[in-house]
Amino acid sequence: EYNQKMKKLRANIDVLDANLLELLGKRMKVADEIGQVKKDANVAILQNNRWNEIQAKMVAEGAKKGLTEEFIIKLFKGIHQESIEHQERILNS
């Protein structure tokens, strides 16, 4: 019984993880588009006001879902850093 339950739950986690990666890939494609728009407009990649808005919004939304502020900040810093790297590649191409 334990093994069956764990197998089912782990299969659910595997599907959710695949969905997360799919969404992150889509998000990075949008980051690429943003990078191109910034390049065309000669605008800096890092927009601190926007980053602060995102961070505050995500912390609040994460709290509603039972996620800690520390986790949300770590998660979105990683996502944000990846977005910056995508945009830098666009800017330097």
N, C-alpha and C. Protein backbone atom coordinates (compact mmCIF):
# COMPACT_ATOMS: atom_id res chain seq x y z
N GLU A 1 0.83 -1.20 0.00
CA GLU A 1 0.00 0.00 0.00
C GLU A 1 0.87 1.26 0.00
N TYR A 2 1.88 1.28 0.88
CA TYR A 2 2.80 2.43 0.94
C TYR A 2 3.46 2.65 -0.42
N ASN A 3 3.99 1.59 -1.01
CA ASN A 3 4.69 1.71 -2.28
C ASN A 3 3.77 2.20 -3.39
N GLN A 4 2.54 1.74 -3.42
CA GLN A 4 1.59 2.18 -4.43
C GLN A 4 1.26 3.66 -4.28
N LYS A 5 1.03 4.08 -3.04
CA LYS A 5 0.73 5.49 -2.78
C LYS A 5 1.90 6.37 -3.19
N MET A 6 3.11 5.94 -2.80
CA MET A 6 4.30 6.73 -3.13
C MET A 6 4.52 6.78 -4.63
N LYS A 7 4.30 5.68 -5.31
CA LYS A 7 4.47 5.64 -6.76
C LYS A 7 3.51 6.63 -7.43
N LYS A 8 2.27 6.65 -6.99
CA LYS A 8 1.28 7.55 -7.55
C LYS A 8 1.63 9.01 -7.26
N LEU A 9 2.00 9.29 -6.02
CA LEU A 9 2.36 10.66 -5.65
C LEU A 9 3.60 11.14 -6.40
N ARG A 10 4.58 10.27 -6.54
CA ARG A 10 5.80 10.65 -7.27
C ARG A 10 5.51 10.86 -8.75
N ALA A 11 4.60 10.10 -9.30
CA ALA A 11 4.20 10.31 -10.70
C ALA A 11 3.55 11.68 -10.85
N ASN A 12 2.74 12.07 -9.86
CA ASN A 12 2.13 13.41 -9.88
C ASN A 12 3.21 14.49 -9.83
N ILE A 13 4.20 14.31 -8.98
CA ILE A 13 5.31 15.27 -8.88
C ILE A 13 6.05 15.35 -10.21
N ASP A 14 6.28 14.22 -10.85
CA ASP A 14 6.98 14.21 -12.15
C ASP A 14 6.22 15.03 -13.19
N VAL A 15 4.91 14.89 -13.22
CA VAL A 15 4.09 15.65 -14.17
C VAL A 15 4.16 17.14 -13.85
N LEU A 16 4.04 17.47 -12.58
CA LEU A 16 4.11 18.88 -12.17
C LEU A 16 5.47 19.49 -12.49
N ASP A 17 6.55 18.73 -12.26
CA ASP A 17 7.89 19.22 -12.58
C ASP A 17 8.03 19.48 -14.08
N ALA A 18 7.49 18.59 -14.89
CA ALA A 18 7.54 18.78 -16.35
C ALA A 18 6.76 20.04 -16.73
N ASN A 19 5.62 20.27 -16.08
CA ASN A 19 4.83 21.48 -16.34
C ASN A 19 5.60 22.74 -15.94
N LEU A 20 6.29 22.68 -14.81
CA LEU A 20 7.10 23.82 -14.38
C LEU A 20 8.17 24.14 -15.42
N LEU A 21 8.85 23.13 -15.91
CA LEU A 21 9.90 23.35 -16.91
C LEU A 21 9.31 23.92 -18.21
N GLU A 22 8.15 23.43 -18.59
CA GLU A 22 7.48 23.95 -19.79
C GLU A 22 7.17 25.44 -19.62
N LEU A 23 6.63 25.80 -18.47
CA LEU A 23 6.31 27.21 -18.19
C LEU A 23 7.56 28.07 -18.14
N LEU A 24 8.61 27.56 -17.52
CA LEU A 24 9.85 28.33 -17.45
C LEU A 24 10.43 28.55 -18.84
N GLY A 25 10.36 27.54 -19.69
CA GLY A 25 10.82 27.70 -21.07
C GLY A 25 10.03 28.78 -21.80
N LYS A 26 8.72 28.77 -21.62
CA LYS A 26 7.88 29.80 -22.24
C LYS A 26 8.21 31.17 -21.68
N ARG A 27 8.46 31.24 -20.38
CA ARG A 27 8.81 32.52 -19.77
C ARG A 27 10.11 33.06 -20.35
N MET A 28 11.08 32.20 -20.58
CA MET A 28 12.36 32.65 -21.13
C MET A 28 12.20 33.12 -22.57
N LYS A 29 11.28 32.53 -23.31
CA LYS A 29 11.03 33.03 -24.68
C LYS A 29 10.48 34.45 -24.63
N VAL A 30 9.63 34.73 -23.65
CA VAL A 30 9.13 36.10 -23.48
C VAL A 30 10.27 37.02 -23.05
N ALA A 31 11.16 36.52 -22.19
CA ALA A 31 12.33 37.31 -21.77
C ALA A 31 13.20 37.65 -22.99
N ASP A 32 13.33 36.69 -23.92
CA ASP A 32 14.07 36.96 -25.15
C ASP A 32 13.42 38.09 -25.94
N GLU A 33 12.11 38.05 -26.04
CA GLU A 33 11.39 39.11 -26.76
C GLU A 33 11.58 40.46 -26.07
N ILE A 34 11.52 40.45 -24.74
CA ILE A 34 11.75 41.69 -23.99
C ILE A 34 13.16 42.20 -24.25
N GLY A 35 14.12 41.28 -24.28
CA GLY A 35 15.50 41.67 -24.57
C GLY A 35 15.63 42.34 -25.92
N GLN A 36 14.91 41.82 -26.92
CA GLN A 36 14.97 42.42 -28.25
C GLN A 36 14.35 43.82 -28.25
N VAL A 37 13.23 43.98 -27.56
CA VAL A 37 12.58 45.30 -27.48
C VAL A 37 13.51 46.29 -26.76
N LYS A 38 14.15 45.84 -25.69
CA LYS A 38 15.08 46.72 -24.96
C LYS A 38 16.27 47.08 -25.85
N LYS A 39 16.77 46.10 -26.61
CA LYS A 39 17.89 46.36 -27.50
C LYS A 39 17.50 47.39 -28.55
N ASP A 40 16.34 47.22 -29.15
CA ASP A 40 15.87 48.15 -30.18
C ASP A 40 15.68 49.56 -29.63
N ALA A 41 15.27 49.65 -28.36
CA ALA A 41 15.01 50.95 -27.74
C ALA A 41 16.22 51.49 -26.98
N ASN A 42 17.32 50.71 -26.99
CA ASN A 42 18.53 51.09 -26.26
C ASN A 42 18.24 51.36 -24.78
N VAL A 43 17.57 50.40 -24.14
CA VAL A 43 17.18 50.50 -22.74
C VAL A 43 17.98 49.46 -21.95
N ALA A 44 18.34 49.80 -20.71
CA ALA A 44 19.09 48.89 -19.85
C ALA A 44 18.28 47.64 -19.56
N ILE A 45 18.98 46.52 -19.43
CA ILE A 45 18.32 45.25 -19.15
C ILE A 45 17.66 45.28 -17.78
N LEU A 46 18.43 45.65 -16.76
CA LEU A 46 17.90 45.61 -15.40
C LEU A 46 17.04 46.84 -15.13
N GLN A 47 15.80 46.59 -14.79
CA GLN A 47 14.84 47.63 -14.42
C GLN A 47 14.45 47.38 -12.97
N ASN A 48 15.14 48.06 -12.04
CA ASN A 48 14.97 47.78 -10.61
C ASN A 48 13.54 47.96 -10.12
N ASN A 49 12.84 48.98 -10.61
CA ASN A 49 11.47 49.18 -10.16
C ASN A 49 10.59 47.99 -10.53
N ARG A 50 10.75 47.50 -11.74
CA ARG A 50 9.98 46.34 -12.19
C ARG A 50 10.33 45.11 -11.35
N TRP A 51 11.60 44.89 -11.09
CA TRP A 51 12.04 43.74 -10.29
C TRP A 51 11.44 43.81 -8.89
N ASN A 52 11.45 44.99 -8.29
CA ASN A 52 10.87 45.15 -6.95
C ASN A 52 9.36 44.87 -6.96
N GLU A 53 8.67 45.31 -8.01
CA GLU A 53 7.24 45.04 -8.15
C GLU A 53 6.97 43.53 -8.24
N ILE A 54 7.74 42.87 -9.09
CA ILE A 54 7.58 41.42 -9.27
C ILE A 54 7.80 40.69 -7.95
N GLN A 55 8.88 41.05 -7.27
CA GLN A 55 9.25 40.38 -6.04
C GLN A 55 8.14 40.54 -4.99
N ALA A 56 7.65 41.74 -4.80
CA ALA A 56 6.60 41.97 -3.81
C ALA A 56 5.32 41.21 -4.17
N LYS A 57 4.97 41.24 -5.45
CA LYS A 57 3.76 40.54 -5.91
C LYS A 57 3.89 39.04 -5.70
N MET A 58 5.03 38.48 -6.05
CA MET A 58 5.21 37.04 -5.94
C MET A 58 5.28 36.57 -4.49
N VAL A 59 5.87 37.37 -3.62
CA VAL A 59 5.91 37.03 -2.20
C VAL A 59 4.47 36.98 -1.66
N ALA A 60 3.67 37.97 -2.02
CA ALA A 60 2.27 38.01 -1.56
C ALA A 60 1.48 36.83 -2.12
N GLU A 61 1.64 36.55 -3.41
CA GLU A 61 0.93 35.42 -4.03
C GLU A 61 1.40 34.09 -3.45
N GLY A 62 2.70 33.98 -3.23
CA GLY A 62 3.25 32.75 -2.66
C GLY A 62 2.71 32.49 -1.26
N ALA A 63 2.58 33.54 -0.46
CA ALA A 63 2.06 33.40 0.90
C ALA A 63 0.65 32.82 0.87
N LYS A 64 -0.14 33.23 -0.11
CA LYS A 64 -1.51 32.71 -0.24
C LYS A 64 -1.51 31.21 -0.54
N LYS A 65 -0.41 30.73 -1.08
CA LYS A 65 -0.31 29.32 -1.45
C LYS A 65 0.53 28.52 -0.45
N GLY A 66 0.83 29.14 0.68
CA GLY A 66 1.57 28.44 1.73
C GLY A 66 3.07 28.38 1.51
N LEU A 67 3.61 29.26 0.67
CA LEU A 67 5.04 29.27 0.37
C LEU A 67 5.71 30.39 1.17
N THR A 68 6.89 30.10 1.69
CA THR A 68 7.58 31.09 2.51
C THR A 68 8.19 32.20 1.66
N GLU A 69 8.32 33.35 2.27
CA GLU A 69 8.94 34.49 1.59
C GLU A 69 10.36 34.14 1.16
N GLU A 70 11.10 33.46 2.02
CA GLU A 70 12.48 33.08 1.70
C GLU A 70 12.54 32.23 0.43
N PHE A 71 11.63 31.24 0.34
CA PHE A 71 11.61 30.37 -0.84
C PHE A 71 11.27 31.16 -2.10
N ILE A 72 10.24 31.99 -2.01
CA ILE A 72 9.80 32.76 -3.18
C ILE A 72 10.92 33.68 -3.66
N ILE A 73 11.60 34.34 -2.74
CA ILE A 73 12.70 35.24 -3.12
C ILE A 73 13.82 34.46 -3.80
N LYS A 74 14.21 33.32 -3.23
CA LYS A 74 15.25 32.50 -3.85
C LYS A 74 14.82 32.04 -5.25
N LEU A 75 13.60 31.55 -5.34
CA LEU A 75 13.10 31.05 -6.62
C LEU A 75 13.09 32.13 -7.68
N PHE A 76 12.52 33.28 -7.35
CA PHE A 76 12.39 34.33 -8.36
C PHE A 76 13.71 35.04 -8.64
N LYS A 77 14.63 35.05 -7.69
CA LYS A 77 15.97 35.57 -8.01
C LYS A 77 16.63 34.70 -9.07
N GLY A 78 16.46 33.38 -8.94
CA GLY A 78 17.02 32.47 -9.94
C GLY A 78 16.37 32.66 -11.30
N ILE A 79 15.05 32.77 -11.32
CA ILE A 79 14.33 32.99 -12.57
C ILE A 79 14.72 34.33 -13.18
N HIS A 80 14.81 35.35 -12.33
CA HIS A 80 15.18 36.69 -12.80
C HIS A 80 16.59 36.69 -13.39
N GLN A 81 17.51 36.01 -12.71
CA GLN A 81 18.89 35.94 -13.21
C GLN A 81 18.94 35.27 -14.57
N GLU A 82 18.19 34.20 -14.73
CA GLU A 82 18.15 33.51 -16.02
C GLU A 82 17.57 34.43 -17.10
N SER A 83 16.54 35.20 -16.75
CA SER A 83 15.95 36.16 -17.69
C SER A 83 16.97 37.21 -18.10
N ILE A 84 17.73 37.71 -17.14
CA ILE A 84 18.76 38.70 -17.44
C ILE A 84 19.79 38.11 -18.40
N GLU A 85 20.21 36.87 -18.14
CA GLU A 85 21.19 36.23 -19.01
C GLU A 85 20.65 36.04 -20.43
N HIS A 86 19.38 35.70 -20.54
CA HIS A 86 18.76 35.59 -21.86
C HIS A 86 18.79 36.95 -22.56
N GLN A 87 18.42 37.99 -21.84
CA GLN A 87 18.39 39.32 -22.43
C GLN A 87 19.79 39.82 -22.80
N GLU A 88 20.78 39.48 -21.98
CA GLU A 88 22.17 39.88 -22.30
C GLU A 88 22.64 39.22 -23.58
N ARG A 89 22.24 37.96 -23.80
CA ARG A 89 22.61 37.28 -25.05
C ARG A 89 22.00 37.99 -26.24
N ILE A 90 20.76 38.41 -26.09
CA ILE A 90 20.08 39.17 -27.17
C ILE A 90 20.80 40.49 -27.40
N LEU A 91 21.09 41.18 -26.32
CA LEU A 91 21.72 42.50 -26.40
C LEU A 91 23.09 42.41 -27.08
N ASN A 92 23.82 41.33 -26.80
CA ASN A 92 25.17 41.16 -27.33
C ASN A 92 25.22 40.46 -28.69
N SER A 93 24.05 40.14 -29.24
CA SER A 93 24.06 39.43 -30.53
C SER A 93 24.02 40.42 -31.69
